[in-house]
Amino acid sequence: MEYVHPGPVTPLIQERFGLITEVEVRQFSHHILSGLAYLHSNQIVHRDIRGANFLVDQAGVLKLADFGISKYVSL
């Protein structure tokens, strides 16, 4: 368990009236896709992808949270 401050990405974007730079979009997209690729390579499906479950730290790194309904998929 890790404490991530300031927290979810959704309120962060809403505070700025939805305006984030292209660089931030690229960085966030890279973090999201890298995290999902890692999970999927380990046969884990998150099943609750939404802004409230992405936490951003002070360095701008996004982390996926809330694995309550995730599922291990055996092939």
PDB file of N, CA and C in Angstrom:
ATOM      1  N   MET A   1       0.852  -1.168   0.000  1.00  0.00           N
ATOM      2  CA  MET A   1       0.000   0.000   0.000  1.00  0.00           C
ATOM      3  C   MET A   1       0.897   1.231   0.000  1.00  0.00           C
ATOM      4  N   GLU A   2       0.514   2.185  -0.823  1.00  0.00           N
ATOM      5  CA  GLU A   2       1.306   3.405  -0.979  1.00  0.00           C
ATOM      6  C   GLU A   2       0.376   4.608  -0.926  1.00  0.00           C
ATOM      7  N   TYR A   3       0.799   5.642  -0.225  1.00  0.00           N
ATOM      8  CA  TYR A   3       0.039   6.888  -0.193  1.00  0.00           C
ATOM      9  C   TYR A   3       0.508   7.753  -1.357  1.00  0.00           C
ATOM     10  N   VAL A   4      -0.422   8.177  -2.211  1.00  0.00           N
ATOM     11  CA  VAL A   4      -0.084   8.996  -3.367  1.00  0.00           C
ATOM     12  C   VAL A   4      -0.772  10.348  -3.214  1.00  0.00           C
ATOM     13  N   HIS A   5       0.030  11.383  -3.132  1.00  0.00           N
ATOM     14  CA  HIS A   5      -0.496  12.743  -2.968  1.00  0.00           C
ATOM     15  C   HIS A   5      -0.167  13.534  -4.223  1.00  0.00           C
ATOM     16  N   PRO A   6      -1.033  14.265  -4.827  1.00  0.00           N
ATOM     17  CA  PRO A   6      -2.312  14.751  -4.352  1.00  0.00           C
ATOM     18  C   PRO A   6      -3.482  13.808  -4.536  1.00  0.00           C
ATOM     19  N   GLY A   7      -3.384  12.749  -5.325  1.00  0.00           N
ATOM     20  CA  GLY A   7      -4.464  11.772  -5.395  1.00  0.00           C
ATOM     21  C   GLY A   7      -5.018  11.570  -6.791  1.00  0.00           C
ATOM     22  N   PRO A   8      -6.346  11.352  -6.897  1.00  0.00           N
ATOM     23  CA  PRO A   8      -6.956  11.014  -8.190  1.00  0.00           C
ATOM     24  C   PRO A   8      -6.733  12.082  -9.251  1.00  0.00           C
ATOM     25  N   VAL A   9      -6.602  11.653 -10.485  1.00  0.00           N
ATOM     26  CA  VAL A   9      -6.336  12.558 -11.588  1.00  0.00           C
ATOM     27  C   VAL A   9      -7.573  13.359 -11.986  1.00  0.00           C
ATOM     28  N   THR A  10      -8.765  12.826 -11.799  1.00  0.00           N
ATOM     29  CA  THR A  10      -9.991  13.506 -12.226  1.00  0.00           C
ATOM     30  C   THR A  10     -10.163  14.881 -11.573  1.00  0.00           C
ATOM     31  N   PRO A  11     -10.104  14.991 -10.232  1.00  0.00           N
ATOM     32  CA  PRO A  11     -10.244  16.327  -9.635  1.00  0.00           C
ATOM     33  C   PRO A  11      -9.117  17.276 -10.049  1.00  0.00           C
ATOM     34  N   LEU A  12      -7.942  16.744 -10.258  1.00  0.00           N
ATOM     35  CA  LEU A  12      -6.812  17.568 -10.682  1.00  0.00           C
ATOM     36  C   LEU A  12      -7.114  18.228 -12.023  1.00  0.00           C
ATOM     37  N   ILE A  13      -7.658  17.461 -12.945  1.00  0.00           N
ATOM     38  CA  ILE A  13      -8.004  18.001 -14.260  1.00  0.00           C
ATOM     39  C   ILE A  13      -9.192  18.953 -14.151  1.00  0.00           C
ATOM     40  N   GLN A  14     -10.187  18.613 -13.346  1.00  0.00           N
ATOM     41  CA  GLN A  14     -11.369  19.460 -13.193  1.00  0.00           C
ATOM     42  C   GLN A  14     -11.022  20.802 -12.558  1.00  0.00           C
ATOM     43  N   GLU A  15     -10.062  20.817 -11.643  1.00  0.00           N
ATOM     44  CA  GLU A  15      -9.641  22.070 -11.012  1.00  0.00           C
ATOM     45  C   GLU A  15      -9.057  23.015 -12.044  1.00  0.00           C
ATOM     46  N   ARG A  16      -8.452  22.457 -13.057  1.00  0.00           N
ATOM     47  CA  ARG A  16      -7.832  23.263 -14.112  1.00  0.00           C
ATOM     48  C   ARG A  16      -8.788  23.432 -15.283  1.00  0.00           C
ATOM     49  N   PHE A  17     -10.071  23.224 -15.064  1.00  0.00           N
ATOM     50  CA  PHE A  17     -11.123  23.393 -16.062  1.00  0.00           C
ATOM     51  C   PHE A  17     -10.922  22.497 -17.282  1.00  0.00           C
ATOM     52  N   GLY A  18     -10.324  21.340 -17.070  1.00  0.00           N
ATOM     53  CA  GLY A  18     -10.176  20.385 -18.149  1.00  0.00           C
ATOM     54  C   GLY A  18      -9.028  20.671 -19.093  1.00  0.00           C
ATOM     55  N   LEU A  19      -8.295  21.739 -18.846  1.00  0.00           N
ATOM     56  CA  LEU A  19      -7.209  22.101 -19.747  1.00  0.00           C
ATOM     57  C   LEU A  19      -5.889  21.522 -19.244  1.00  0.00           C
ATOM     58  N   ILE A  20      -5.414  20.514 -19.927  1.00  0.00           N
ATOM     59  CA  ILE A  20      -4.088  19.985 -19.636  1.00  0.00           C
ATOM     60  C   ILE A  20      -3.295  20.032 -20.927  1.00  0.00           C
ATOM     61  N   THR A  21      -2.005  20.138 -20.801  1.00  0.00           N
ATOM     62  CA  THR A  21      -1.169  20.300 -21.983  1.00  0.00           C
ATOM     63  C   THR A  21      -1.046  18.983 -22.752  1.00  0.00           C
ATOM     64  N   GLU A  22      -0.622  19.101 -23.992  1.00  0.00           N
ATOM     65  CA  GLU A  22      -0.412  17.916 -24.814  1.00  0.00           C
ATOM     66  C   GLU A  22       0.677  17.025 -24.210  1.00  0.00           C
ATOM     67  N   VAL A  23       1.678  17.641 -23.620  1.00  0.00           N
ATOM     68  CA  VAL A  23       2.757  16.882 -22.983  1.00  0.00           C
ATOM     69  C   VAL A  23       2.211  16.061 -21.815  1.00  0.00           C
ATOM     70  N   GLU A  24       1.319  16.658 -21.018  1.00  0.00           N
ATOM     71  CA  GLU A  24       0.712  15.932 -19.900  1.00  0.00           C
ATOM     72  C   GLU A  24      -0.167  14.793 -20.399  1.00  0.00           C
ATOM     73  N   VAL A  25      -0.923  15.026 -21.464  1.00  0.00           N
ATOM     74  CA  VAL A  25      -1.768  13.970 -22.043  1.00  0.00           C
ATOM     75  C   VAL A  25      -0.895  12.815 -22.506  1.00  0.00           C
ATOM     76  N   ARG A  26       0.202  13.138 -23.192  1.00  0.00           N
ATOM     77  CA  ARG A  26       1.121  12.109 -23.665  1.00  0.00           C
ATOM     78  C   ARG A  26       1.713  11.326 -22.503  1.00  0.00           C
ATOM     79  N   GLN A  27       2.144  12.040 -21.459  1.00  0.00           N
ATOM     80  CA  GLN A  27       2.751  11.392 -20.296  1.00  0.00           C
ATOM     81  C   GLN A  27       1.732  10.502 -19.584  1.00  0.00           C
ATOM     82  N   PHE A  28       0.534  11.019 -19.338  1.00  0.00           N
ATOM     83  CA  PHE A  28      -0.506  10.240 -18.666  1.00  0.00           C
ATOM     84  C   PHE A  28      -0.876   9.022 -19.497  1.00  0.00           C
ATOM     85  N   SER A  29      -1.032   9.189 -20.809  1.00  0.00           N
ATOM     86  CA  SER A  29      -1.391   8.067 -21.681  1.00  0.00           C
ATOM     87  C   SER A  29      -0.321   6.987 -21.661  1.00  0.00           C
ATOM     88  N   HIS A  30       0.930   7.408 -21.668  1.00  0.00           N
ATOM     89  CA  HIS A  30       2.038   6.446 -21.610  1.00  0.00           C
ATOM     90  C   HIS A  30       1.993   5.650 -20.305  1.00  0.00           C
ATOM     91  N   HIS A  31       1.770   6.332 -19.176  1.00  0.00           N
ATOM     92  CA  HIS A  31       1.710   5.648 -17.885  1.00  0.00           C
ATOM     93  C   HIS A  31       0.534   4.679 -17.828  1.00  0.00           C
ATOM     94  N   ILE A  32      -0.617   5.104 -18.310  1.00  0.00           N
ATOM     95  CA  ILE A  32      -1.809   4.252 -18.296  1.00  0.00           C
ATOM     96  C   ILE A  32      -1.585   3.000 -19.143  1.00  0.00           C
ATOM     97  N   LEU A  33      -1.118   3.195 -20.368  1.00  0.00           N
ATOM     98  CA  LEU A  33      -0.936   2.057 -21.269  1.00  0.00           C
ATOM     99  C   LEU A  33       0.174   1.128 -20.801  1.00  0.00           C
ATOM    100  N   SER A  34       1.232   1.675 -20.229  1.00  0.00           N
ATOM    101  CA  SER A  34       2.315   0.841 -19.697  1.00  0.00           C
ATOM    102  C   SER A  34       1.814  -0.017 -18.533  1.00  0.00           C
ATOM    103  N   GLY A  35       1.020   0.600 -17.653  1.00  0.00           N
ATOM    104  CA  GLY A  35       0.476  -0.139 -16.516  1.00  0.00           C
ATOM    105  C   GLY A  35      -0.470  -1.245 -16.955  1.00  0.00           C
ATOM    106  N   LEU A  36      -1.335  -0.935 -17.903  1.00  0.00           N
ATOM    107  CA  LEU A  36      -2.269  -1.942 -18.395  1.00  0.00           C
ATOM    108  C   LEU A  36      -1.543  -3.063 -19.140  1.00  0.00           C
ATOM    109  N   ALA A  37      -0.522  -2.717 -19.903  1.00  0.00           N
ATOM    110  CA  ALA A  37       0.260  -3.743 -20.599  1.00  0.00           C
ATOM    111  C   ALA A  37       0.919  -4.682 -19.601  1.00  0.00           C
ATOM    112  N   TYR A  38       1.427  -4.123 -18.495  1.00  0.00           N
ATOM    113  CA  TYR A  38       2.049  -4.949 -17.459  1.00  0.00           C
ATOM    114  C   TYR A  38       1.019  -5.900 -16.842  1.00  0.00           C
ATOM    115  N   LEU A  39      -0.146  -5.362 -16.491  1.00  0.00           N
ATOM    116  CA  LEU A  39      -1.191  -6.203 -15.900  1.00  0.00           C
ATOM    117  C   LEU A  39      -1.607  -7.310 -16.866  1.00  0.00           C
ATOM    118  N   HIS A  40      -1.850  -6.943 -18.108  1.00  0.00           N
ATOM    119  CA  HIS A  40      -2.313  -7.930 -19.085  1.00  0.00           C
ATOM    120  C   HIS A  40      -1.254  -8.985 -19.369  1.00  0.00           C
ATOM    121  N   SER A  41       0.022  -8.600 -19.321  1.00  0.00           N
ATOM    122  CA  SER A  41       1.086  -9.591 -19.533  1.00  0.00           C
ATOM    123  C   SER A  41       1.146 -10.596 -18.386  1.00  0.00           C
ATOM    124  N   ASN A  42       0.564 -10.223 -17.245  1.00  0.00           N
ATOM    125  CA  ASN A  42       0.493 -11.111 -16.087  1.00  0.00           C
ATOM    126  C   ASN A  42      -0.910 -11.698 -15.907  1.00  0.00           C
ATOM    127  N   GLN A  43      -1.707 -11.670 -16.985  1.00  0.00           N
ATOM    128  CA  GLN A  43      -3.067 -12.217 -17.031  1.00  0.00           C
ATOM    129  C   GLN A  43      -3.991 -11.616 -15.965  1.00  0.00           C
ATOM    130  N   ILE A  44      -3.857 -10.313 -15.715  1.00  0.00           N
ATOM    131  CA  ILE A  44      -4.731  -9.623 -14.766  1.00  0.00           C
ATOM    132  C   ILE A  44      -5.539  -8.589 -15.533  1.00  0.00           C
ATOM    133  N   VAL A  45      -6.862  -8.590 -15.300  1.00  0.00           N
ATOM    134  CA  VAL A  45      -7.756  -7.615 -15.902  1.00  0.00           C
ATOM    135  C   VAL A  45      -8.277  -6.727 -14.778  1.00  0.00           C
ATOM    136  N   HIS A  46      -8.129  -5.415 -14.925  1.00  0.00           N
ATOM    137  CA  HIS A  46      -8.502  -4.472 -13.863  1.00  0.00           C
ATOM    138  C   HIS A  46     -10.017  -4.346 -13.722  1.00  0.00           C
ATOM    139  N   ARG A  47     -10.736  -4.165 -14.769  1.00  0.00           N
ATOM    140  CA  ARG A  47     -12.201  -4.101 -14.860  1.00  0.00           C
ATOM    141  C   ARG A  47     -12.848  -2.874 -14.231  1.00  0.00           C
ATOM    142  N   ASP A  48     -12.085  -1.840 -13.890  1.00  0.00           N
ATOM    143  CA  ASP A  48     -12.680  -0.601 -13.369  1.00  0.00           C
ATOM    144  C   ASP A  48     -11.804   0.588 -13.759  1.00  0.00           C
ATOM    145  N   ILE A  49     -11.593   0.734 -15.061  1.00  0.00           N
ATOM    146  CA  ILE A  49     -10.743   1.807 -15.560  1.00  0.00           C
ATOM    147  C   ILE A  49     -11.564   3.094 -15.630  1.00  0.00           C
ATOM    148  N   ARG A  50     -11.166   4.071 -14.838  1.00  0.00           N
ATOM    149  CA  ARG A  50     -11.799   5.399 -14.851  1.00  0.00           C
ATOM    150  C   ARG A  50     -10.854   6.371 -14.162  1.00  0.00           C
ATOM    151  N   GLY A  51     -11.086   7.636 -14.363  1.00  0.00           N
ATOM    152  CA  GLY A  51     -10.191   8.662 -13.833  1.00  0.00           C
ATOM    153  C   GLY A  51      -9.993   8.614 -12.330  1.00  0.00           C
ATOM    154  N   ALA A  52     -11.038   8.255 -11.598  1.00  0.00           N
ATOM    155  CA  ALA A  52     -10.943   8.209 -10.139  1.00  0.00           C
ATOM    156  C   ALA A  52      -9.984   7.127  -9.655  1.00  0.00           C
ATOM    157  N   ASN A  53      -9.680   6.146 -10.499  1.00  0.00           N
ATOM    158  CA  ASN A  53      -8.784   5.062 -10.101  1.00  0.00           C
ATOM    159  C   ASN A  53      -7.353   5.259 -10.589  1.00  0.00           C
ATOM    160  N   PHE A  54      -7.073   6.422 -11.163  1.00  0.00           N
ATOM    161  CA  PHE A  54      -5.704   6.774 -11.501  1.00  0.00           C
ATOM    162  C   PHE A  54      -5.239   7.844 -10.545  1.00  0.00           C
ATOM    163  N   LEU A  55      -4.200   7.548  -9.797  1.00  0.00           N
ATOM    164  CA  LEU A  55      -3.649   8.497  -8.836  1.00  0.00           C
ATOM    165  C   LEU A  55      -2.397   9.117  -9.431  1.00  0.00           C
ATOM    166  N   VAL A  56      -2.243  10.410  -9.227  1.00  0.00           N
ATOM    167  CA  VAL A  56      -1.065  11.108  -9.740  1.00  0.00           C
ATOM    168  C   VAL A  56      -0.280  11.644  -8.541  1.00  0.00           C
ATOM    169  N   ASP A  57       1.039  11.417  -8.567  1.00  0.00           N
ATOM    170  CA  ASP A  57       1.861  11.927  -7.470  1.00  0.00           C
ATOM    171  C   ASP A  57       2.417  13.299  -7.829  1.00  0.00           C
ATOM    172  N   GLN A  58       3.197  13.885  -6.936  1.00  0.00           N
ATOM    173  CA  GLN A  58       3.710  15.239  -7.152  1.00  0.00           C
ATOM    174  C   GLN A  58       4.680  15.315  -8.324  1.00  0.00           C
ATOM    175  N   ALA A  59       5.279  14.187  -8.703  1.00  0.00           N
ATOM    176  CA  ALA A  59       6.194  14.154  -9.839  1.00  0.00           C
ATOM    177  C   ALA A  59       5.451  13.974 -11.165  1.00  0.00           C
ATOM    178  N   GLY A  60       4.113  13.814 -11.118  1.00  0.00           N
ATOM    179  CA  GLY A  60       3.319  13.643 -12.321  1.00  0.00           C
ATOM    180  C   GLY A  60       3.220  12.213 -12.805  1.00  0.00           C
ATOM    181  N   VAL A  61       3.595  11.256 -11.959  1.00  0.00           N
ATOM    182  CA  VAL A  61       3.521   9.837 -12.319  1.00  0.00           C
ATOM    183  C   VAL A  61       2.138   9.308 -11.970  1.00  0.00           C
ATOM    184  N   LEU A  62       1.480   8.679 -12.943  1.00  0.00           N
ATOM    185  CA  LEU A  62       0.168   8.084 -12.717  1.00  0.00           C
ATOM    186  C   LEU A  62       0.313   6.659 -12.225  1.00  0.00           C
ATOM    187  N   LYS A  63      -0.523   6.285 -11.262  1.00  0.00           N
ATOM    188  CA  LYS A  63      -0.521   4.922 -10.733  1.00  0.00           C
ATOM    189  C   LYS A  63      -1.955   4.426 -10.707  1.00  0.00           C
ATOM    190  N   LEU A  64      -2.139   3.195 -11.132  1.00  0.00           N
ATOM    191  CA  LEU A  64      -3.463   2.584 -11.153  1.00  0.00           C
ATOM    192  C   LEU A  64      -3.797   2.056  -9.763  1.00  0.00           C
ATOM    193  N   ALA A  65      -5.014   2.322  -9.310  1.00  0.00           N
ATOM    194  CA  ALA A  65      -5.437   1.924  -7.968  1.00  0.00           C
ATOM    195  C   ALA A  65      -6.759   1.162  -8.028  1.00  0.00           C
ATOM    196  N   ASP A  66      -7.205   0.693  -6.895  1.00  0.00           N
ATOM    197  CA  ASP A  66      -8.496   0.037  -6.705  1.00  0.00           C
ATOM    198  C   ASP A  66      -8.630  -1.240  -7.542  1.00  0.00           C
ATOM    199  N   PHE A  67      -8.008  -2.276  -7.051  1.00  0.00           N
ATOM    200  CA  PHE A  67      -8.045  -3.573  -7.722  1.00  0.00           C
ATOM    201  C   PHE A  67      -9.138  -4.472  -7.141  1.00  0.00           C
ATOM    202  N   GLY A  68     -10.159  -3.870  -6.545  1.00  0.00           N
ATOM    203  CA  GLY A  68     -11.208  -4.623  -5.878  1.00  0.00           C
ATOM    204  C   GLY A  68     -11.966  -5.586  -6.767  1.00  0.00           C
ATOM    205  N   ILE A  69     -12.177  -5.241  -8.024  1.00  0.00           N
ATOM    206  CA  ILE A  69     -12.913  -6.156  -8.908  1.00  0.00           C
ATOM    207  C   ILE A  69     -12.028  -6.683 -10.029  1.00  0.00           C
ATOM    208  N   SER A  70     -10.706  -6.573  -9.846  1.00  0.00           N
ATOM    209  CA  SER A  70      -9.807  -7.120 -10.858  1.00  0.00           C
ATOM    210  C   SER A  70      -9.897  -8.636 -10.860  1.00  0.00           C
ATOM    211  N   LYS A  71      -9.414  -9.223 -11.938  1.00  0.00           N
ATOM    212  CA  LYS A  71      -9.540 -10.676 -12.078  1.00  0.00           C
ATOM    213  C   LYS A  71      -8.310 -11.248 -12.746  1.00  0.00           C
ATOM    214  N   TYR A  72      -7.864 -12.377 -12.229  1.00  0.00           N
ATOM    215  CA  TYR A  72      -6.793 -13.144 -12.848  1.00  0.00           C
ATOM    216  C   TYR A  72      -7.442 -14.035 -13.896  1.00  0.00           C
ATOM    217  N   VAL A  73      -6.958 -13.972 -15.112  1.00  0.00           N
ATOM    218  CA  VAL A  73      -7.523 -14.741 -16.207  1.00  0.00           C
ATOM    219  C   VAL A  73      -6.534 -15.843 -16.578  1.00  0.00           C
ATOM    220  N   SER A  74      -6.901 -17.066 -16.338  1.00  0.00           N
ATOM    221  CA  SER A  74      -6.021 -18.184 -16.712  1.00  0.00           C
ATOM    222  C   SER A  74      -6.301 -18.552 -18.173  1.00  0.00           C
ATOM    223  N   LEU A  75      -5.239 -18.790 -18.886  1.00  0.00           N
ATOM    224  CA  LEU A  75      -5.394 -19.134 -20.309  1.00  0.00           C
ATOM    225  C   LEU A  75      -5.323 -20.629 -20.512  1.00  0.00           C
TER     226      LEU A  75
END
